Structure formats: C-alpha cells, structure tokens
Amino acid sequence: MFAGGLAEAVEETSEEVLADFSKVLYNGLEQLQGKSSRMTPFENMFDRYSMSFLGGFLGGGISSAAFDFSDIRRNINMTS
C-alpha cells in the first residue's frame, strides 16, 4: 500500500510541477511578444503541491490495497 501510494503521490506532484513549468514558458512567450501575462504559476505552491502529494498518496494507497485484497481473495478461491 505504501509503495502504491508513494508512486501515485510522486506522479500527481510531478503533474503539478509540469503544469507550472508550462505556465512559466507561456508567460515568457507572452512577455517576449509584449503582452501582459495573466497566469501566475507560483501562487500557493506549497498548498497545491502538498495537496497533490497527499491526495495521490491516499488515492494510490487505497487503490493498491483494493487490488491486493481482490488478488488475495481470488487466489484463495483457486483450486489445484
């Protein structure tokens, strides 16, 4: 459960980082074109990243546990 939760947490957090990176690139292109940038990617960074990590950790752990328990139940009912 811990490994599944950690993997999902890292995935969700990396998605947030990638979204912020793309916003920075977009803002840079708008600055070069002389437009004002509307997006601020670094607002509430700690809140967004920590919530992504926590949500991914809980969701990945629960999902991993559900799959593990269904596999155990299926293996118990197997006959030789």
PDB file of N, CA and C in Angstrom:
ATOM      1  N   MET A   1       0.827  -1.190   0.000  1.00  0.00           N
ATOM      2  CA  MET A   1       0.000   0.000   0.000  1.00  0.00           C
ATOM      3  C   MET A   1       0.872   1.254   0.000  1.00  0.00           C
ATOM      4  N   PHE A   2       1.940   1.223   0.783  1.00  0.00           N
ATOM      5  CA  PHE A   2       2.800   2.391   0.883  1.00  0.00           C
ATOM      6  C   PHE A   2       3.473   2.695  -0.460  1.00  0.00           C
ATOM      7  N   ALA A   3       3.955   1.659  -1.123  1.00  0.00           N
ATOM      8  CA  ALA A   3       4.640   1.857  -2.408  1.00  0.00           C
ATOM      9  C   ALA A   3       3.677   2.383  -3.465  1.00  0.00           C
ATOM     10  N   GLY A   4       2.473   1.847  -3.502  1.00  0.00           N
ATOM     11  CA  GLY A   4       1.479   2.339  -4.459  1.00  0.00           C
ATOM     12  C   GLY A   4       1.084   3.769  -4.179  1.00  0.00           C
ATOM     13  N   GLY A   5       0.939   4.092  -2.905  1.00  0.00           N
ATOM     14  CA  GLY A   5       0.599   5.465  -2.530  1.00  0.00           C
ATOM     15  C   GLY A   5       1.710   6.439  -2.853  1.00  0.00           C
ATOM     16  N   LEU A   6       2.946   6.024  -2.586  1.00  0.00           N
ATOM     17  CA  LEU A   6       4.086   6.897  -2.873  1.00  0.00           C
ATOM     18  C   LEU A   6       4.255   7.127  -4.373  1.00  0.00           C
ATOM     19  N   ALA A   7       4.071   6.084  -5.159  1.00  0.00           N
ATOM     20  CA  ALA A   7       4.188   6.225  -6.618  1.00  0.00           C
ATOM     21  C   ALA A   7       3.130   7.179  -7.156  1.00  0.00           C
ATOM     22  N   GLU A   8       1.913   7.047  -6.688  1.00  0.00           N
ATOM     23  CA  GLU A   8       0.838   7.927  -7.153  1.00  0.00           C
ATOM     24  C   GLU A   8       1.054   9.354  -6.671  1.00  0.00           C
ATOM     25  N   ALA A   9       1.565   9.516  -5.466  1.00  0.00           N
ATOM     26  CA  ALA A   9       1.828  10.856  -4.935  1.00  0.00           C
ATOM     27  C   ALA A   9       2.896  11.568  -5.755  1.00  0.00           C
ATOM     28  N   VAL A  10       3.948  10.854  -6.114  1.00  0.00           N
ATOM     29  CA  VAL A  10       5.003  11.449  -6.926  1.00  0.00           C
ATOM     30  C   VAL A  10       4.465  11.799  -8.308  1.00  0.00           C
ATOM     31  N   GLU A  11       3.622  10.944  -8.863  1.00  0.00           N
ATOM     32  CA  GLU A  11       3.038  11.222 -10.175  1.00  0.00           C
ATOM     33  C   GLU A  11       2.170  12.475 -10.139  1.00  0.00           C
ATOM     34  N   GLU A  12       1.309  12.582  -9.158  1.00  0.00           N
ATOM     35  CA  GLU A  12       0.418  13.745  -9.066  1.00  0.00           C
ATOM     36  C   GLU A  12       1.204  15.035  -8.848  1.00  0.00           C
ATOM     37  N   THR A  13       2.226  14.978  -8.006  1.00  0.00           N
ATOM     38  CA  THR A  13       3.037  16.164  -7.748  1.00  0.00           C
ATOM     39  C   THR A  13       3.824  16.560  -8.991  1.00  0.00           C
ATOM     40  N   SER A  14       4.334  15.583  -9.721  1.00  0.00           N
ATOM     41  CA  SER A  14       5.082  15.908 -10.938  1.00  0.00           C
ATOM     42  C   SER A  14       4.164  16.506 -12.002  1.00  0.00           C
ATOM     43  N   GLU A  15       2.906  16.126 -12.021  1.00  0.00           N
ATOM     44  CA  GLU A  15       1.956  16.749 -12.939  1.00  0.00           C
ATOM     45  C   GLU A  15       1.764  18.233 -12.595  1.00  0.00           C
ATOM     46  N   GLU A  16       1.712  18.546 -11.311  1.00  0.00           N
ATOM     47  CA  GLU A  16       1.596  19.953 -10.896  1.00  0.00           C
ATOM     48  C   GLU A  16       2.844  20.744 -11.294  1.00  0.00           C
ATOM     49  N   VAL A  17       4.016  20.142 -11.103  1.00  0.00           N
ATOM     50  CA  VAL A  17       5.267  20.814 -11.465  1.00  0.00           C
ATOM     51  C   VAL A  17       5.302  21.057 -12.973  1.00  0.00           C
ATOM     52  N   LEU A  18       4.896  20.069 -13.753  1.00  0.00           N
ATOM     53  CA  LEU A  18       4.888  20.219 -15.206  1.00  0.00           C
ATOM     54  C   LEU A  18       3.896  21.294 -15.646  1.00  0.00           C
ATOM     55  N   ALA A  19       2.753  21.365 -14.992  1.00  0.00           N
ATOM     56  CA  ALA A  19       1.784  22.410 -15.314  1.00  0.00           C
ATOM     57  C   ALA A  19       2.355  23.794 -15.007  1.00  0.00           C
ATOM     58  N   ASP A  20       3.038  23.931 -13.879  1.00  0.00           N
ATOM     59  CA  ASP A  20       3.663  25.216 -13.544  1.00  0.00           C
ATOM     60  C   ASP A  20       4.764  25.576 -14.536  1.00  0.00           C
ATOM     61  N   PHE A  21       5.539  24.585 -14.946  1.00  0.00           N
ATOM     62  CA  PHE A  21       6.597  24.834 -15.913  1.00  0.00           C
ATOM     63  C   PHE A  21       6.028  25.315 -17.250  1.00  0.00           C
ATOM     64  N   SER A  22       4.938  24.687 -17.693  1.00  0.00           N
ATOM     65  CA  SER A  22       4.332  25.111 -18.956  1.00  0.00           C
ATOM     66  C   SER A  22       3.742  26.518 -18.835  1.00  0.00           C
ATOM     67  N   LYS A  23       3.225  26.868 -17.661  1.00  0.00           N
ATOM     68  CA  LYS A  23       2.718  28.228 -17.461  1.00  0.00           C
ATOM     69  C   LYS A  23       3.848  29.252 -17.508  1.00  0.00           C
ATOM     70  N   VAL A  24       5.011  28.896 -16.957  1.00  0.00           N
ATOM     71  CA  VAL A  24       6.161  29.791 -16.996  1.00  0.00           C
ATOM     72  C   VAL A  24       6.603  30.010 -18.439  1.00  0.00           C
ATOM     73  N   LEU A  25       6.651  28.939 -19.225  1.00  0.00           N
ATOM     74  CA  LEU A  25       7.024  29.076 -20.630  1.00  0.00           C
ATOM     75  C   LEU A  25       6.024  29.944 -21.385  1.00  0.00           C
ATOM     76  N   TYR A  26       4.743  29.735 -21.136  1.00  0.00           N
ATOM     77  CA  TYR A  26       3.706  30.524 -21.792  1.00  0.00           C
ATOM     78  C   TYR A  26       3.829  31.999 -21.408  1.00  0.00           C
ATOM     79  N   ASN A  27       4.049  32.262 -20.136  1.00  0.00           N
ATOM     80  CA  ASN A  27       4.231  33.649 -19.683  1.00  0.00           C
ATOM     81  C   ASN A  27       5.455  34.285 -20.325  1.00  0.00           C
ATOM     82  N   GLY A  28       6.528  33.512 -20.471  1.00  0.00           N
ATOM     83  CA  GLY A  28       7.733  34.026 -21.110  1.00  0.00           C
ATOM     84  C   GLY A  28       7.497  34.391 -22.566  1.00  0.00           C
ATOM     85  N   LEU A  29       6.741  33.547 -23.258  1.00  0.00           N
ATOM     86  CA  LEU A  29       6.417  33.859 -24.654  1.00  0.00           C
ATOM     87  C   LEU A  29       5.550  35.109 -24.757  1.00  0.00           C
ATOM     88  N   GLU A  30       4.603  35.263 -23.842  1.00  0.00           N
ATOM     89  CA  GLU A  30       3.772  36.468 -23.857  1.00  0.00           C
ATOM     90  C   GLU A  30       4.595  37.709 -23.552  1.00  0.00           C
ATOM     91  N   GLN A  31       5.561  37.584 -22.648  1.00  0.00           N
ATOM     92  CA  GLN A  31       6.432  38.722 -22.338  1.00  0.00           C
ATOM     93  C   GLN A  31       7.257  39.122 -23.563  1.00  0.00           C
ATOM     94  N   LEU A  32       7.754  38.127 -24.293  1.00  0.00           N
ATOM     95  CA  LEU A  32       8.536  38.417 -25.489  1.00  0.00           C
ATOM     96  C   LEU A  32       7.696  39.085 -26.583  1.00  0.00           C
ATOM     97  N   GLN A  33       6.405  38.768 -26.614  1.00  0.00           N
ATOM     98  CA  GLN A  33       5.516  39.368 -27.604  1.00  0.00           C
ATOM     99  C   GLN A  33       4.984  40.719 -27.150  1.00  0.00           C
ATOM    100  N   GLY A  34       5.330  41.126 -25.941  1.00  0.00           N
ATOM    101  CA  GLY A  34       4.896  42.422 -25.432  1.00  0.00           C
ATOM    102  C   GLY A  34       3.527  42.411 -24.780  1.00  0.00           C
ATOM    103  N   LYS A  35       2.990  41.236 -24.545  1.00  0.00           N
ATOM    104  CA  LYS A  35       1.688  41.125 -23.884  1.00  0.00           C
ATOM    105  C   LYS A  35       1.897  40.974 -22.383  1.00  0.00           C
ATOM    106  N   SER A  36       0.867  41.296 -21.635  1.00  0.00           N
ATOM    107  CA  SER A  36       0.955  41.089 -20.180  1.00  0.00           C
ATOM    108  C   SER A  36       0.528  39.657 -19.867  1.00  0.00           C
ATOM    109  N   SER A  37       1.239  39.040 -18.947  1.00  0.00           N
ATOM    110  CA  SER A  37       0.925  37.655 -18.596  1.00  0.00           C
ATOM    111  C   SER A  37      -0.212  37.631 -17.587  1.00  0.00           C
ATOM    112  N   ARG A  38      -1.135  36.708 -17.810  1.00  0.00           N
ATOM    113  CA  ARG A  38      -2.309  36.594 -16.940  1.00  0.00           C
ATOM    114  C   ARG A  38      -2.147  35.513 -15.891  1.00  0.00           C
ATOM    115  N   MET A  39      -1.345  34.505 -16.198  1.00  0.00           N
ATOM    116  CA  MET A  39      -1.213  33.364 -15.295  1.00  0.00           C
ATOM    117  C   MET A  39      -0.074  33.578 -14.306  1.00  0.00           C
ATOM    118  N   THR A  40      -0.329  33.233 -13.089  1.00  0.00           N
ATOM    119  CA  THR A  40       0.719  33.261 -12.061  1.00  0.00           C
ATOM    120  C   THR A  40       0.896  31.834 -11.546  1.00  0.00           C
ATOM    121  N   PRO A  41       1.909  31.127 -12.027  1.00  0.00           N
ATOM    122  CA  PRO A  41       2.042  29.707 -11.704  1.00  0.00           C
ATOM    123  C   PRO A  41       2.487  29.416 -10.283  1.00  0.00           C
ATOM    124  N   PHE A  42       3.078  30.385  -9.598  1.00  0.00           N
ATOM    125  CA  PHE A  42       3.655  30.076  -8.295  1.00  0.00           C
ATOM    126  C   PHE A  42       2.806  30.549  -7.128  1.00  0.00           C
ATOM    127  N   GLU A  43       1.524  30.762  -7.348  1.00  0.00           N
ATOM    128  CA  GLU A  43       0.638  31.110  -6.235  1.00  0.00           C
ATOM    129  C   GLU A  43       0.321  29.841  -5.449  1.00  0.00           C
ATOM    130  N   ASN A  44       0.411  29.941  -4.152  1.00  0.00           N
ATOM    131  CA  ASN A  44       0.070  28.822  -3.254  1.00  0.00           C
ATOM    132  C   ASN A  44       0.784  27.532  -3.649  1.00  0.00           C
ATOM    133  N   MET A  45       2.057  27.641  -3.951  1.00  0.00           N
ATOM    134  CA  MET A  45       2.814  26.462  -4.376  1.00  0.00           C
ATOM    135  C   MET A  45       2.805  25.358  -3.328  1.00  0.00           C
ATOM    136  N   PHE A  46       3.083  25.705  -2.105  1.00  0.00           N
ATOM    137  CA  PHE A  46       3.148  24.688  -1.053  1.00  0.00           C
ATOM    138  C   PHE A  46       1.797  23.999  -0.888  1.00  0.00           C
ATOM    139  N   ASP A  47       0.720  24.781  -0.908  1.00  0.00           N
ATOM    140  CA  ASP A  47      -0.615  24.201  -0.745  1.00  0.00           C
ATOM    141  C   ASP A  47      -0.948  23.246  -1.890  1.00  0.00           C
ATOM    142  N   ARG A  48      -0.685  23.688  -3.108  1.00  0.00           N
ATOM    143  CA  ARG A  48      -1.033  22.852  -4.263  1.00  0.00           C
ATOM    144  C   ARG A  48      -0.196  21.585  -4.318  1.00  0.00           C
ATOM    145  N   TYR A  49       1.114  21.716  -4.095  1.00  0.00           N
ATOM    146  CA  TYR A  49       1.980  20.545  -4.157  1.00  0.00           C
ATOM    147  C   TYR A  49       1.706  19.575  -3.013  1.00  0.00           C
ATOM    148  N   SER A  50       1.495  20.107  -1.826  1.00  0.00           N
ATOM    149  CA  SER A  50       1.235  19.210  -0.694  1.00  0.00           C
ATOM    150  C   SER A  50      -0.117  18.511  -0.843  1.00  0.00           C
ATOM    151  N   MET A  51      -1.110  19.214  -1.352  1.00  0.00           N
ATOM    152  CA  MET A  51      -2.416  18.570  -1.555  1.00  0.00           C
ATOM    153  C   MET A  51      -2.350  17.538  -2.672  1.00  0.00           C
ATOM    154  N   SER A  52      -1.582  17.812  -3.717  1.00  0.00           N
ATOM    155  CA  SER A  52      -1.400  16.819  -4.779  1.00  0.00           C
ATOM    156  C   SER A  52      -0.705  15.577  -4.224  1.00  0.00           C
ATOM    157  N   PHE A  53       0.327  15.808  -3.418  1.00  0.00           N
ATOM    158  CA  PHE A  53       1.051  14.675  -2.832  1.00  0.00           C
ATOM    159  C   PHE A  53       0.150  13.875  -1.904  1.00  0.00           C
ATOM    160  N   LEU A  54      -0.553  14.566  -1.027  1.00  0.00           N
ATOM    161  CA  LEU A  54      -1.412  13.877  -0.065  1.00  0.00           C
ATOM    162  C   LEU A  54      -2.562  13.142  -0.758  1.00  0.00           C
ATOM    163  N   GLY A  55      -3.195  13.804  -1.716  1.00  0.00           N
ATOM    164  CA  GLY A  55      -4.287  13.159  -2.441  1.00  0.00           C
ATOM    165  C   GLY A  55      -3.817  11.952  -3.232  1.00  0.00           C
ATOM    166  N   GLY A  56      -2.670  12.076  -3.883  1.00  0.00           N
ATOM    167  CA  GLY A  56      -2.116  10.940  -4.615  1.00  0.00           C
ATOM    168  C   GLY A  56      -1.720   9.813  -3.698  1.00  0.00           C
ATOM    169  N   PHE A  57      -1.148  10.155  -2.541  1.00  0.00           N
ATOM    170  CA  PHE A  57      -0.733   9.129  -1.588  1.00  0.00           C
ATOM    171  C   PHE A  57      -1.937   8.350  -1.060  1.00  0.00           C
ATOM    172  N   LEU A  58      -2.987   9.070  -0.687  1.00  0.00           N
ATOM    173  CA  LEU A  58      -4.175   8.381  -0.170  1.00  0.00           C
ATOM    174  C   LEU A  58      -4.879   7.580  -1.269  1.00  0.00           C
ATOM    175  N   GLY A  59      -5.062   8.208  -2.428  1.00  0.00           N
ATOM    176  CA  GLY A  59      -5.740   7.513  -3.519  1.00  0.00           C
ATOM    177  C   GLY A  59      -4.956   6.315  -4.026  1.00  0.00           C
ATOM    178  N   GLY A  60      -3.656   6.463  -4.169  1.00  0.00           N
ATOM    179  CA  GLY A  60      -2.828   5.347  -4.628  1.00  0.00           C
ATOM    180  C   GLY A  60      -2.768   4.225  -3.617  1.00  0.00           C
ATOM    181  N   GLY A  61      -2.712   4.573  -2.331  1.00  0.00           N
ATOM    182  CA  GLY A  61      -2.696   3.543  -1.289  1.00  0.00           C
ATOM    183  C   GLY A  61      -3.994   2.761  -1.228  1.00  0.00           C
ATOM    184  N   ILE A  62      -5.104   3.467  -1.324  1.00  0.00           N
ATOM    185  CA  ILE A  62      -6.410   2.791  -1.291  1.00  0.00           C
ATOM    186  C   ILE A  62      -6.594   1.922  -2.528  1.00  0.00           C
ATOM    187  N   SER A  63      -6.220   2.450  -3.680  1.00  0.00           N
ATOM    188  CA  SER A  63      -6.334   1.677  -4.915  1.00  0.00           C
ATOM    189  C   SER A  63      -5.441   0.436  -4.873  1.00  0.00           C
ATOM    190  N   SER A  64      -4.233   0.600  -4.387  1.00  0.00           N
ATOM    191  CA  SER A  64      -3.316  -0.534  -4.279  1.00  0.00           C
ATOM    192  C   SER A  64      -3.855  -1.588  -3.317  1.00  0.00           C
ATOM    193  N   ALA A  65      -4.418  -1.139  -2.213  1.00  0.00           N
ATOM    194  CA  ALA A  65      -4.978  -2.088  -1.242  1.00  0.00           C
ATOM    195  C   ALA A  65      -6.162  -2.835  -1.835  1.00  0.00           C
ATOM    196  N   ALA A  66      -6.998  -2.138  -2.590  1.00  0.00           N
ATOM    197  CA  ALA A  66      -8.160  -2.794  -3.193  1.00  0.00           C
ATOM    198  C   ALA A  66      -7.723  -3.866  -4.184  1.00  0.00           C
ATOM    199  N   PHE A  67      -6.724  -3.557  -5.004  1.00  0.00           N
ATOM    200  CA  PHE A  67      -6.237  -4.558  -5.951  1.00  0.00           C
ATOM    201  C   PHE A  67      -5.567  -5.716  -5.235  1.00  0.00           C
ATOM    202  N   ASP A  68      -4.795  -5.437  -4.191  1.00  0.00           N
ATOM    203  CA  ASP A  68      -4.114  -6.505  -3.454  1.00  0.00           C
ATOM    204  C   ASP A  68      -5.118  -7.440  -2.790  1.00  0.00           C
ATOM    205  N   PHE A  69      -6.156  -6.882  -2.170  1.00  0.00           N
ATOM    206  CA  PHE A  69      -7.131  -7.719  -1.489  1.00  0.00           C
ATOM    207  C   PHE A  69      -7.978  -8.513  -2.470  1.00  0.00           C
ATOM    208  N   SER A  70      -8.274  -7.939  -3.624  1.00  0.00           N
ATOM    209  CA  SER A  70      -9.038  -8.707  -4.617  1.00  0.00           C
ATOM    210  C   SER A  70      -8.183  -9.848  -5.172  1.00  0.00           C
ATOM    211  N   ASP A  71      -6.883  -9.623  -5.341  1.00  0.00           N
ATOM    212  CA  ASP A  71      -5.995 -10.701  -5.786  1.00  0.00           C
ATOM    213  C   ASP A  71      -5.900 -11.802  -4.736  1.00  0.00           C
ATOM    214  N   ILE A  72      -5.804 -11.419  -3.478  1.00  0.00           N
ATOM    215  CA  ILE A  72      -5.734 -12.416  -2.399  1.00  0.00           C
ATOM    216  C   ILE A  72      -7.010 -13.237  -2.361  1.00  0.00           C
ATOM    217  N   ARG A  73      -8.156 -12.575  -2.475  1.00  0.00           N
ATOM    218  CA  ARG A  73      -9.436 -13.292  -2.437  1.00  0.00           C
ATOM    219  C   ARG A  73      -9.563 -14.238  -3.627  1.00  0.00           C
ATOM    220  N   ARG A  74      -9.102 -13.809  -4.801  1.00  0.00           N
ATOM    221  CA  ARG A  74      -9.170 -14.661  -5.983  1.00  0.00           C
ATOM    222  C   ARG A  74      -8.229 -15.847  -5.837  1.00  0.00           C
ATOM    223  N   ASN A  75      -7.049 -15.654  -5.244  1.00  0.00           N
ATOM    224  CA  ASN A  75      -6.107 -16.764  -5.081  1.00  0.00           C
ATOM    225  C   ASN A  75      -6.571 -17.766  -4.031  1.00  0.00           C
ATOM    226  N   ILE A  76      -7.287 -17.305  -3.025  1.00  0.00           N
ATOM    227  CA  ILE A  76      -7.812 -18.229  -2.005  1.00  0.00           C
ATOM    228  C   ILE A  76      -8.857 -19.163  -2.609  1.00  0.00           C
ATOM    229  N   ASN A  77      -9.646 -18.669  -3.541  1.00  0.00           N
ATOM    230  CA  ASN A  77     -10.712 -19.471  -4.137  1.00  0.00           C
ATOM    231  C   ASN A  77     -10.216 -20.383  -5.253  1.00  0.00           C
ATOM    232  N   MET A  78      -8.929 -20.322  -5.571  1.00  0.00           N
ATOM    233  CA  MET A  78      -8.404 -21.180  -6.632  1.00  0.00           C
ATOM    234  C   MET A  78      -8.262 -22.609  -6.129  1.00  0.00           C
ATOM    235  N   THR A  79      -8.483 -23.535  -7.029  1.00  0.00           N
ATOM    236  CA  THR A  79      -8.297 -24.946  -6.681  1.00  0.00           C
ATOM    237  C   THR A  79      -7.128 -25.476  -7.487  1.00  0.00           C
ATOM    238  N   SER A  80      -6.525 -26.535  -6.987  1.00  0.00           N
ATOM    239  CA  SER A  80      -5.345 -27.085  -7.678  1.00  0.00           C
ATOM    240  C   SER A  80      -5.737 -28.010  -8.800  1.00  0.00           C
TER     241      SER A  80
END
